[in-house]
PDB file of N, CA and C in Angstrom:
ATOM      1  N   UNK A   1     -14.214   9.230  18.150  1.00  0.00           N
ATOM      2  CA  UNK A   1     -14.670   8.246  17.236  1.00  0.00           C
ATOM      3  C   UNK A   1     -14.950   8.908  15.914  1.00  0.00           C
ATOM      4  N   UNK A   2     -14.414   8.471  14.739  1.00  0.00           N
ATOM      5  CA  UNK A   2     -14.552   9.050  13.573  1.00  0.00           C
ATOM      6  C   UNK A   2     -16.027   8.787  12.974  1.00  0.00           C
ATOM      7  N   UNK A   3     -16.642   9.670  12.348  1.00  0.00           N
ATOM      8  CA  UNK A   3     -18.027   9.529  11.802  1.00  0.00           C
ATOM      9  C   UNK A   3     -17.685   9.023  10.335  1.00  0.00           C
ATOM     10  N   UNK A   4     -18.730   8.256  10.072  1.00  0.00           N
ATOM     11  CA  UNK A   4     -18.819   7.282   8.637  1.00  0.00           C
ATOM     12  C   UNK A   4     -18.550   8.245   7.538  1.00  0.00           C
ATOM     13  N   UNK A   5     -19.414   9.344   7.539  1.00  0.00           N
ATOM     14  CA  UNK A   5     -19.442  10.256   6.358  1.00  0.00           C
ATOM     15  C   UNK A   5     -18.112  10.915   6.469  1.00  0.00           C
ATOM     16  N   UNK A   6     -17.420  11.165   7.586  1.00  0.00           N
ATOM     17  CA  UNK A   6     -16.088  11.924   7.453  1.00  0.00           C
ATOM     18  C   UNK A   6     -14.987  11.031   6.912  1.00  0.00           C
ATOM     19  N   UNK A   7     -15.182   9.675   7.315  1.00  0.00           N
ATOM     20  CA  UNK A   7     -14.118   8.718   6.921  1.00  0.00           C
ATOM     21  C   UNK A   7     -14.235   8.531   5.296  1.00  0.00           C
ATOM     22  N   UNK A   8     -15.488   8.402   4.792  1.00  0.00           N
ATOM     23  CA  UNK A   8     -15.613   8.453   3.276  1.00  0.00           C
ATOM     24  C   UNK A   8     -15.125   9.700   2.679  1.00  0.00           C
ATOM     25  N   UNK A   9     -15.311  10.776   3.094  1.00  0.00           N
ATOM     26  CA  UNK A   9     -14.815  11.889   2.812  1.00  0.00           C
ATOM     27  C   UNK A   9     -13.365  12.079   2.741  1.00  0.00           C
ATOM     28  N   UNK A  10     -12.798  11.521   3.679  1.00  0.00           N
ATOM     29  CA  UNK A  10     -11.250  11.527   3.940  1.00  0.00           C
ATOM     30  C   UNK A  10     -10.692  10.512   2.599  1.00  0.00           C
ATOM     31  N   UNK A  11     -11.558   9.384   2.510  1.00  0.00           N
ATOM     32  CA  UNK A  11     -10.920   8.467   1.596  1.00  0.00           C
ATOM     33  C   UNK A  11     -11.079   9.139   0.129  1.00  0.00           C
ATOM     34  N   UNK A  12     -11.935   9.916  -0.006  1.00  0.00           N
ATOM     35  CA  UNK A  12     -12.245  10.573  -1.413  1.00  0.00           C
ATOM     36  C   UNK A  12     -11.160  11.532  -1.753  1.00  0.00           C
ATOM     37  N   UNK A  13     -10.594  12.253  -0.478  1.00  0.00           N
ATOM     38  CA  UNK A  13      -9.629  12.994  -0.578  1.00  0.00           C
ATOM     39  C   UNK A  13      -8.313  12.450  -0.969  1.00  0.00           C
ATOM     40  N   UNK A  14      -8.285  11.457  -0.325  1.00  0.00           N
ATOM     41  CA  UNK A  14      -6.960  10.523  -0.446  1.00  0.00           C
ATOM     42  C   UNK A  14      -6.772  10.158  -1.879  1.00  0.00           C
ATOM     43  N   UNK A  15      -7.975   9.552  -2.455  1.00  0.00           N
ATOM     44  CA  UNK A  15      -7.875   9.146  -3.731  1.00  0.00           C
ATOM     45  C   UNK A  15      -7.373  10.282  -4.671  1.00  0.00           C
ATOM     46  N   UNK A  16      -7.848  11.457  -4.342  1.00  0.00           N
ATOM     47  CA  UNK A  16      -7.484  12.440  -5.292  1.00  0.00           C
ATOM     48  C   UNK A  16      -6.139  12.920  -5.263  1.00  0.00           C
ATOM     49  N   UNK A  17      -5.546  12.844  -3.815  1.00  0.00           N
ATOM     50  CA  UNK A  17      -4.076  13.195  -3.580  1.00  0.00           C
ATOM     51  C   UNK A  17      -3.325  12.014  -3.788  1.00  0.00           C
ATOM     52  N   UNK A  18      -3.917  10.971  -3.840  1.00  0.00           N
ATOM     53  CA  UNK A  18      -3.130   9.592  -4.059  1.00  0.00           C
ATOM     54  C   UNK A  18      -2.251   8.939  -3.175  1.00  0.00           C
ATOM     55  N   UNK A  19      -2.572   9.346  -1.700  1.00  0.00           N
ATOM     56  CA  UNK A  19      -1.870   8.612  -0.790  1.00  0.00           C
ATOM     57  C   UNK A  19      -2.704   7.447  -0.433  1.00  0.00           C
ATOM     58  N   UNK A  20      -2.762   6.503  -1.229  1.00  0.00           N
ATOM     59  CA  UNK A  20      -3.634   5.333  -1.116  1.00  0.00           C
ATOM     60  C   UNK A  20      -3.563   4.502   0.028  1.00  0.00           C
ATOM     61  N   UNK A  21      -2.548   4.609   0.708  1.00  0.00           N
ATOM     62  CA  UNK A  21      -2.557   3.880   2.254  1.00  0.00           C
ATOM     63  C   UNK A  21      -3.341   4.706   3.072  1.00  0.00           C
ATOM     64  N   UNK A  22      -3.555   5.889   3.055  1.00  0.00           N
ATOM     65  CA  UNK A  22      -4.422   6.799   3.937  1.00  0.00           C
ATOM     66  C   UNK A  22      -6.094   6.172   3.578  1.00  0.00           C
ATOM     67  N   UNK A  23      -6.146   6.108   2.081  1.00  0.00           N
ATOM     68  CA  UNK A  23      -7.439   5.757   1.715  1.00  0.00           C
ATOM     69  C   UNK A  23      -8.064   4.643   2.341  1.00  0.00           C
ATOM     70  N   UNK A  24      -6.945   3.528   2.212  1.00  0.00           N
ATOM     71  CA  UNK A  24      -7.117   2.081   2.958  1.00  0.00           C
ATOM     72  C   UNK A  24      -7.562   2.320   4.386  1.00  0.00           C
ATOM     73  N   UNK A  25      -6.705   3.141   4.903  1.00  0.00           N
ATOM     74  CA  UNK A  25      -7.011   3.257   6.463  1.00  0.00           C
ATOM     75  C   UNK A  25      -8.348   3.790   6.714  1.00  0.00           C
ATOM     76  N   UNK A  26      -8.765   4.766   6.007  1.00  0.00           N
ATOM     77  CA  UNK A  26     -10.175   5.181   6.169  1.00  0.00           C
ATOM     78  C   UNK A  26     -11.325   4.461   6.044  1.00  0.00           C
ATOM     79  N   UNK A  27     -11.154   3.557   4.858  1.00  0.00           N
ATOM     80  CA  UNK A  27     -12.065   2.747   4.334  1.00  0.00           C
ATOM     81  C   UNK A  27     -12.150   1.363   5.423  1.00  0.00           C
ATOM     82  N   UNK A  28     -10.936   1.128   5.864  1.00  0.00           N
ATOM     83  CA  UNK A  28     -10.932  -0.102   6.758  1.00  0.00           C
ATOM     84  C   UNK A  28     -11.774   0.362   8.170  1.00  0.00           C
ATOM     85  N   UNK A  29     -11.670   1.733   8.533  1.00  0.00           N
ATOM     86  CA  UNK A  29     -12.374   2.096   9.576  1.00  0.00           C
ATOM     87  C   UNK A  29     -13.940   2.091   9.433  1.00  0.00           C
ATOM     88  N   UNK A  30     -14.276   2.359   8.154  1.00  0.00           N
ATOM     89  CA  UNK A  30     -15.808   2.230   7.862  1.00  0.00           C
ATOM     90  C   UNK A  30     -16.130   0.748   7.860  1.00  0.00           C
ATOM     91  N   UNK A  31     -15.306  -0.026   7.487  1.00  0.00           N
ATOM     92  CA  UNK A  31     -15.808  -1.581   7.257  1.00  0.00           C
ATOM     93  C   UNK A  31     -15.890  -2.154   8.760  1.00  0.00           C
ATOM     94  N   UNK A  32     -14.969  -1.547   9.845  1.00  0.00           N
ATOM     95  CA  UNK A  32     -15.134  -1.706  11.220  1.00  0.00           C
ATOM     96  C   UNK A  32     -16.156  -1.500  11.936  1.00  0.00           C
ATOM     97  N   UNK A  33     -16.984  -0.700  11.171  1.00  0.00           N
ATOM     98  CA  UNK A  33     -18.380  -0.140  11.896  1.00  0.00           C
ATOM     99  C   UNK A  33     -19.411  -1.092  11.829  1.00  0.00           C
ATOM    100  N   UNK A  34     -19.048  -2.405  11.173  1.00  0.00           N
ATOM    101  CA  UNK A  34     -20.096  -3.459  11.206  1.00  0.00           C
ATOM    102  C   UNK A  34     -21.334  -2.982  10.601  1.00  0.00           C
ATOM    103  N   UNK A  35     -21.387  -2.204   9.518  1.00  0.00           N
ATOM    104  CA  UNK A  35     -22.607  -2.053   8.581  1.00  0.00           C
ATOM    105  C   UNK A  35     -22.517  -2.156   7.080  1.00  0.00           C
ATOM    106  N   UNK A  36     -23.640  -2.404   6.790  1.00  0.00           N
ATOM    107  CA  UNK A  36     -23.282  -2.965   5.051  1.00  0.00           C
ATOM    108  C   UNK A  36     -22.681  -1.523   4.388  1.00  0.00           C
ATOM    109  N   UNK A  37     -21.906  -1.778   3.704  1.00  0.00           N
ATOM    110  CA  UNK A  37     -21.362  -0.955   2.693  1.00  0.00           C
ATOM    111  C   UNK A  37     -22.300  -0.532   1.593  1.00  0.00           C
ATOM    112  N   UNK A  38     -22.230   0.985   1.229  1.00  0.00           N
ATOM    113  CA  UNK A  38     -22.881   1.226   0.088  1.00  0.00           C
ATOM    114  C   UNK A  38     -22.088   0.922  -1.154  1.00  0.00           C
ATOM    115  N   UNK A  39     -22.658   1.060  -2.267  1.00  0.00           N
ATOM    116  CA  UNK A  39     -22.028   0.841  -3.473  1.00  0.00           C
ATOM    117  C   UNK A  39     -20.734   1.662  -3.673  1.00  0.00           C
ATOM    118  N   UNK A  40     -20.876   2.979  -3.268  1.00  0.00           N
ATOM    119  CA  UNK A  40     -19.805   3.924  -3.331  1.00  0.00           C
ATOM    120  C   UNK A  40     -18.633   3.612  -2.474  1.00  0.00           C
ATOM    121  N   UNK A  41     -18.955   3.081  -1.245  1.00  0.00           N
ATOM    122  CA  UNK A  41     -17.965   2.621  -0.340  1.00  0.00           C
ATOM    123  C   UNK A  41     -17.506   1.483  -0.568  1.00  0.00           C
ATOM    124  N   UNK A  42     -18.012   0.611  -1.162  1.00  0.00           N
ATOM    125  CA  UNK A  42     -17.345  -0.648  -1.644  1.00  0.00           C
ATOM    126  C   UNK A  42     -16.391  -0.356  -2.768  1.00  0.00           C
ATOM    127  N   UNK A  43     -16.678   0.695  -3.546  1.00  0.00           N
ATOM    128  CA  UNK A  43     -15.861   1.019  -4.831  1.00  0.00           C
ATOM    129  C   UNK A  43     -14.636   1.849  -4.383  1.00  0.00           C
ATOM    130  N   UNK A  44     -14.996   2.587  -3.235  1.00  0.00           N
ATOM    131  CA  UNK A  44     -13.755   3.215  -2.709  1.00  0.00           C
ATOM    132  C   UNK A  44     -12.794   2.319  -1.914  1.00  0.00           C
ATOM    133  N   UNK A  45     -13.407   1.097  -1.327  1.00  0.00           N
ATOM    134  CA  UNK A  45     -12.377   0.384  -0.849  1.00  0.00           C
ATOM    135  C   UNK A  45     -11.605  -0.515  -1.713  1.00  0.00           C
ATOM    136  N   UNK A  46     -12.250  -0.852  -2.763  1.00  0.00           N
ATOM    137  CA  UNK A  46     -11.867  -1.793  -3.932  1.00  0.00           C
ATOM    138  C   UNK A  46     -10.634  -0.691  -4.488  1.00  0.00           C
ATOM    139  N   UNK A  47     -10.714   0.567  -4.858  1.00  0.00           N
ATOM    140  CA  UNK A  47      -9.911   1.403  -5.584  1.00  0.00           C
ATOM    141  C   UNK A  47      -8.589   1.605  -4.602  1.00  0.00           C
ATOM    142  N   UNK A  48      -8.852   1.672  -3.354  1.00  0.00           N
ATOM    143  CA  UNK A  48      -7.891   1.953  -2.382  1.00  0.00           C
ATOM    144  C   UNK A  48      -6.881   0.699  -2.465  1.00  0.00           C
ATOM    145  N   UNK A  49      -7.271  -0.513  -2.296  1.00  0.00           N
ATOM    146  CA  UNK A  49      -6.421  -1.620  -2.174  1.00  0.00           C
ATOM    147  C   UNK A  49      -5.999  -1.917  -3.635  1.00  0.00           C
ATOM    148  N   UNK A  50      -6.583  -1.808  -4.900  1.00  0.00           N
ATOM    149  CA  UNK A  50      -5.983  -1.918  -5.949  1.00  0.00           C
ATOM    150  C   UNK A  50      -4.840  -1.024  -6.153  1.00  0.00           C
ATOM    151  N   UNK A  51      -5.047   0.354  -5.770  1.00  0.00           N
ATOM    152  CA  UNK A  51      -3.909   1.067  -6.111  1.00  0.00           C
ATOM    153  C   UNK A  51      -2.751   0.949  -5.098  1.00  0.00           C
ATOM    154  N   UNK A  52      -2.909   0.484  -4.044  1.00  0.00           N
ATOM    155  CA  UNK A  52      -1.830   0.231  -3.153  1.00  0.00           C
ATOM    156  C   UNK A  52      -1.137  -0.840  -3.392  1.00  0.00           C
ATOM    157  N   UNK A  53      -1.833  -1.985  -3.738  1.00  0.00           N
ATOM    158  CA  UNK A  53      -1.067  -3.313  -4.352  1.00  0.00           C
ATOM    159  C   UNK A  53      -0.498  -3.010  -5.741  1.00  0.00           C
ATOM    160  N   UNK A  54      -1.038  -2.169  -6.680  1.00  0.00           N
ATOM    161  CA  UNK A  54      -0.606  -1.866  -8.069  1.00  0.00           C
ATOM    162  C   UNK A  54       0.844  -1.008  -7.850  1.00  0.00           C
ATOM    163  N   UNK A  55       0.808  -0.309  -6.921  1.00  0.00           N
ATOM    164  CA  UNK A  55       2.050   0.383  -6.763  1.00  0.00           C
ATOM    165  C   UNK A  55       3.130  -0.439  -6.273  1.00  0.00           C
ATOM    166  N   UNK A  56       2.833  -1.295  -5.238  1.00  0.00           N
ATOM    167  CA  UNK A  56       3.918  -2.165  -4.727  1.00  0.00           C
ATOM    168  C   UNK A  56       4.440  -3.122  -5.935  1.00  0.00           C
ATOM    169  N   UNK A  57       3.223  -3.777  -6.631  1.00  0.00           N
ATOM    170  CA  UNK A  57       3.534  -4.567  -7.964  1.00  0.00           C
ATOM    171  C   UNK A  57       4.717  -3.870  -8.854  1.00  0.00           C
ATOM    172  N   UNK A  58       4.214  -2.593  -9.177  1.00  0.00           N
ATOM    173  CA  UNK A  58       5.225  -1.833 -10.102  1.00  0.00           C
ATOM    174  C   UNK A  58       6.547  -1.626  -9.398  1.00  0.00           C
ATOM    175  N   UNK A  59       6.724  -1.242  -8.371  1.00  0.00           N
ATOM    176  CA  UNK A  59       8.173  -1.243  -7.539  1.00  0.00           C
ATOM    177  C   UNK A  59       8.743  -2.585  -7.943  1.00  0.00           C
ATOM    178  N   UNK A  60       8.008  -3.628  -7.488  1.00  0.00           N
ATOM    179  CA  UNK A  60       8.834  -4.872  -7.518  1.00  0.00           C
ATOM    180  C   UNK A  60       9.343  -5.216  -8.737  1.00  0.00           C
ATOM    181  N   UNK A  61       8.648  -5.065  -9.877  1.00  0.00           N
ATOM    182  CA  UNK A  61       8.806  -5.246 -11.250  1.00  0.00           C
ATOM    183  C   UNK A  61      10.005  -4.255 -11.739  1.00  0.00           C
ATOM    184  N   UNK A  62      10.023  -3.022 -11.349  1.00  0.00           N
ATOM    185  CA  UNK A  62      11.123  -2.144 -11.426  1.00  0.00           C
ATOM    186  C   UNK A  62      12.531  -2.693 -10.993  1.00  0.00           C
ATOM    187  N   UNK A  63      12.481  -3.084  -9.655  1.00  0.00           N
ATOM    188  CA  UNK A  63      13.722  -3.591  -8.792  1.00  0.00           C
ATOM    189  C   UNK A  63      13.987  -4.870  -9.474  1.00  0.00           C
ATOM    190  N   UNK A  64      13.259  -5.603  -9.856  1.00  0.00           N
ATOM    191  CA  UNK A  64      13.434  -7.011 -10.471  1.00  0.00           C
ATOM    192  C   UNK A  64      14.283  -6.783 -11.879  1.00  0.00           C
ATOM    193  N   UNK A  65      13.694  -5.960 -12.759  1.00  0.00           N
ATOM    194  CA  UNK A  65      14.272  -5.426 -14.047  1.00  0.00           C
ATOM    195  C   UNK A  65      15.794  -4.882 -13.742  1.00  0.00           C
ATOM    196  N   UNK A  66      15.959  -3.836 -12.825  1.00  0.00           N
ATOM    197  CA  UNK A  66      17.426  -3.322 -12.622  1.00  0.00           C
ATOM    198  C   UNK A  66      18.156  -4.542 -12.221  1.00  0.00           C
ATOM    199  N   UNK A  67      17.709  -5.445 -10.964  1.00  0.00           N
ATOM    200  CA  UNK A  67      18.511  -6.498 -10.729  1.00  0.00           C
ATOM    201  C   UNK A  67      19.106  -7.585 -11.991  1.00  0.00           C
ATOM    202  N   UNK A  68      18.034  -7.609 -12.838  1.00  0.00           N
ATOM    203  CA  UNK A  68      18.398  -8.492 -13.979  1.00  0.00           C
ATOM    204  C   UNK A  68      19.442  -7.944 -14.998  1.00  0.00           C
ATOM    205  N   UNK A  69      19.254  -6.723 -15.128  1.00  0.00           N
ATOM    206  CA  UNK A  69      20.155  -5.917 -15.997  1.00  0.00           C
ATOM    207  C   UNK A  69      21.439  -6.054 -15.223  1.00  0.00           C
ATOM    208  N   UNK A  70      21.697  -5.818 -14.094  1.00  0.00           N
ATOM    209  CA  UNK A  70      23.065  -5.790 -13.334  1.00  0.00           C
ATOM    210  C   UNK A  70      23.427  -7.319 -13.172  1.00  0.00           C
ATOM    211  N   UNK A  71      22.706  -8.119 -13.165  1.00  0.00           N
ATOM    212  CA  UNK A  71      23.120  -9.519 -13.184  1.00  0.00           C
ATOM    213  C   UNK A  71      23.666  -9.936 -14.664  1.00  0.00           C
ATOM    214  N   UNK A  72      23.060  -9.666 -15.671  1.00  0.00           N
ATOM    215  CA  UNK A  72      23.428  -9.700 -16.830  1.00  0.00           C
ATOM    216  C   UNK A  72      24.853  -8.988 -17.161  1.00  0.00           C
ATOM    217  N   UNK A  73      25.119  -8.025 -16.488  1.00  0.00           N
ATOM    218  CA  UNK A  73      26.431  -7.245 -16.675  1.00  0.00           C
ATOM    219  C   UNK A  73      27.560  -7.872 -15.705  1.00  0.00           C
ATOM    220  N   UNK A  74      27.191  -8.587 -14.731  1.00  0.00           N
ATOM    221  CA  UNK A  74      28.080  -9.238 -13.700  1.00  0.00           C
ATOM    222  C   UNK A  74      28.625  -8.071 -12.698  1.00  0.00           C
ATOM    223  N   UNK A  75      27.734  -7.142 -12.574  1.00  0.00           N
ATOM    224  CA  UNK A  75      28.002  -5.925 -11.676  1.00  0.00           C
ATOM    225  C   UNK A  75      27.561  -6.582 -10.156  1.00  0.00           C
ATOM    226  N   UNK A  76      28.478  -7.402  -9.629  1.00  0.00           N
ATOM    227  CA  UNK A  76      28.285  -8.098  -8.248  1.00  0.00           C
ATOM    228  C   UNK A  76      28.089  -6.873  -7.039  1.00  0.00           C
ATOM    229  N   UNK A  77      28.846  -5.670  -7.208  1.00  0.00           N
ATOM    230  CA  UNK A  77      28.585  -4.705  -6.127  1.00  0.00           C
ATOM    231  C   UNK A  77      27.132  -4.090  -6.148  1.00  0.00           C
ATOM    232  N   UNK A  78      26.836  -3.865  -7.416  1.00  0.00           N
ATOM    233  CA  UNK A  78      25.474  -3.245  -7.635  1.00  0.00           C
ATOM    234  C   UNK A  78      24.424  -4.426  -7.236  1.00  0.00           C
ATOM    235  N   UNK A  79      24.646  -5.441  -7.673  1.00  0.00           N
ATOM    236  CA  UNK A  79      23.495  -6.686  -7.313  1.00  0.00           C
ATOM    237  C   UNK A  79      23.348  -6.752  -5.526  1.00  0.00           C
ATOM    238  N   UNK A  80      24.525  -6.606  -4.896  1.00  0.00           N
ATOM    239  CA  UNK A  80      24.497  -6.689  -3.531  1.00  0.00           C
ATOM    240  C   UNK A  80      23.669  -5.531  -2.952  1.00  0.00           C
ATOM    241  N   UNK A  81      23.736  -4.322  -3.535  1.00  0.00           N
ATOM    242  CA  UNK A  81      23.059  -3.235  -3.148  1.00  0.00           C
ATOM    243  C   UNK A  81      21.704  -3.455  -3.478  1.00  0.00           C
ATOM    244  N   UNK A  82      21.391  -3.760  -4.596  1.00  0.00           N
ATOM    245  CA  UNK A  82      19.992  -4.156  -4.882  1.00  0.00           C
ATOM    246  C   UNK A  82      19.242  -4.965  -4.010  1.00  0.00           C
ATOM    247  N   UNK A  83      19.857  -6.016  -3.636  1.00  0.00           N
ATOM    248  CA  UNK A  83      19.186  -7.136  -3.016  1.00  0.00           C
ATOM    249  C   UNK A  83      19.327  -6.797  -1.403  1.00  0.00           C
ATOM    250  N   UNK A  84      20.109  -5.719  -0.952  1.00  0.00           N
ATOM    251  CA  UNK A  84      19.994  -5.218   0.352  1.00  0.00           C
ATOM    252  C   UNK A  84      18.769  -4.146   0.247  1.00  0.00           C
ATOM    253  N   UNK A  85      18.737  -3.590  -0.791  1.00  0.00           N
ATOM    254  CA  UNK A  85      17.496  -2.619  -0.736  1.00  0.00           C
ATOM    255  C   UNK A  85      16.209  -3.359  -0.753  1.00  0.00           C
ATOM    256  N   UNK A  86      16.071  -4.491  -1.647  1.00  0.00           N
ATOM    257  CA  UNK A  86      14.965  -5.209  -1.741  1.00  0.00           C
ATOM    258  C   UNK A  86      14.601  -5.837  -0.224  1.00  0.00           C
ATOM    259  N   UNK A  87      15.543  -6.407   0.552  1.00  0.00           N
ATOM    260  CA  UNK A  87      15.356  -7.042   1.986  1.00  0.00           C
ATOM    261  C   UNK A  87      14.955  -5.758   2.758  1.00  0.00           C
ATOM    262  N   UNK A  88      15.488  -4.597   2.612  1.00  0.00           N
ATOM    263  CA  UNK A  88      15.079  -3.399   3.518  1.00  0.00           C
ATOM    264  C   UNK A  88      13.567  -3.081   3.100  1.00  0.00           C
ATOM    265  N   UNK A  89      13.191  -3.148   1.851  1.00  0.00           N
ATOM    266  CA  UNK A  89      11.920  -2.718   1.563  1.00  0.00           C
ATOM    267  C   UNK A  89      10.892  -3.866   2.154  1.00  0.00           C
ATOM    268  N   UNK A  90      11.132  -4.958   2.203  1.00  0.00           N
ATOM    269  CA  UNK A  90      10.384  -6.178   2.743  1.00  0.00           C
ATOM    270  C   UNK A  90      10.210  -5.922   4.376  1.00  0.00           C
ATOM    271  N   UNK A  91      11.243  -5.395   4.809  1.00  0.00           N
ATOM    272  CA  UNK A  91      11.377  -5.150   6.387  1.00  0.00           C
ATOM    273  C   UNK A  91      10.311  -3.948   6.557  1.00  0.00           C
ATOM    274  N   UNK A  92      10.469  -2.955   5.685  1.00  0.00           N
ATOM    275  CA  UNK A  92       9.690  -1.628   5.955  1.00  0.00           C
ATOM    276  C   UNK A  92       8.293  -2.060   5.886  1.00  0.00           C
ATOM    277  N   UNK A  93       7.885  -2.898   4.649  1.00  0.00           N
ATOM    278  CA  UNK A  93       6.615  -3.223   4.549  1.00  0.00           C
ATOM    279  C   UNK A  93       5.911  -3.979   5.536  1.00  0.00           C
ATOM    280  N   UNK A  94       6.680  -4.934   6.106  1.00  0.00           N
ATOM    281  CA  UNK A  94       6.345  -5.653   7.271  1.00  0.00           C
ATOM    282  C   UNK A  94       6.069  -4.730   8.377  1.00  0.00           C
ATOM    283  N   UNK A  95       6.710  -3.663   8.730  1.00  0.00           N
ATOM    284  CA  UNK A  95       6.517  -2.936   9.731  1.00  0.00           C
ATOM    285  C   UNK A  95       5.382  -2.158   9.420  1.00  0.00           C
ATOM    286  N   UNK A  96       4.937  -1.672   8.430  1.00  0.00           N
ATOM    287  CA  UNK A  96       3.768  -1.069   8.158  1.00  0.00           C
ATOM    288  C   UNK A  96       2.604  -1.746   8.370  1.00  0.00           C
ATOM    289  N   UNK A  97       2.789  -3.173   7.808  1.00  0.00           N
ATOM    290  CA  UNK A  97       1.418  -4.095   8.024  1.00  0.00           C
ATOM    291  C   UNK A  97       1.418  -4.064   9.610  1.00  0.00           C
ATOM    292  N   UNK A  98       2.330  -4.424  10.290  1.00  0.00           N
ATOM    293  CA  UNK A  98       2.325  -4.399  11.935  1.00  0.00           C
ATOM    294  C   UNK A  98       1.645  -3.084  12.471  1.00  0.00           C
ATOM    295  N   UNK A  99       2.086  -1.940  11.984  1.00  0.00           N
ATOM    296  CA  UNK A  99       1.593  -0.634  12.472  1.00  0.00           C
ATOM    297  C   UNK A  99       0.037  -0.538  12.283  1.00  0.00           C
ATOM    298  N   UNK A 100      -0.572  -0.971  10.897  1.00  0.00           N
ATOM    299  CA  UNK A 100      -1.679  -1.053  10.716  1.00  0.00           C
ATOM    300  C   UNK A 100      -2.511  -1.865  11.423  1.00  0.00           C
ATOM    301  N   UNK A 101      -1.938  -3.226  11.742  1.00  0.00           N
ATOM    302  CA  UNK A 101      -2.604  -4.087  12.656  1.00  0.00           C
ATOM    303  C   UNK A 101      -2.742  -3.561  13.980  1.00  0.00           C
ATOM    304  N   UNK A 102      -1.786  -3.013  14.692  1.00  0.00           N
ATOM    305  CA  UNK A 102      -1.887  -2.495  16.004  1.00  0.00           C
ATOM    306  C   UNK A 102      -2.727  -1.322  16.042  1.00  0.00           C
ATOM    307  N   UNK A 103      -2.940  -0.520  14.869  1.00  0.00           N
ATOM    308  CA  UNK A 103      -3.828   0.752  15.075  1.00  0.00           C
ATOM    309  C   UNK A 103      -5.197   0.120  15.112  1.00  0.00           C
ATOM    310  N   UNK A 104      -5.569  -1.038  14.638  1.00  0.00           N
ATOM    311  CA  UNK A 104      -6.985  -1.643  14.584  1.00  0.00           C
ATOM    312  C   UNK A 104      -7.400  -1.812  16.064  1.00  0.00           C
ATOM    313  N   UNK A 105      -6.645  -2.109  16.895  1.00  0.00           N
ATOM    314  CA  UNK A 105      -6.855  -2.536  18.294  1.00  0.00           C
ATOM    315  C   UNK A 105      -6.994  -1.398  19.140  1.00  0.00           C
TER     316      UNK A 105
END
């Protein structure tokens, strides 16, 4: 069983190193302890989710921009590859979400 203090420390380390998924995991464990979060813990949880979502949003914007450019050029082969990549990304994201859900049990 992880100690609350250790989990908060892990979240702080993850924040500095920027693997925000790890930061989310650490803070989810803290929230699962059924204790009121401190202001620092609430902030860490907020930062973790904000950065995870922000990174995914940025990726989607980039892919959409590339897709639009290729569509304007009429590059059907490249469009097919982009759309396959987007679909694979969705599948991988879904797998990560299920993995996180399973690790909670």
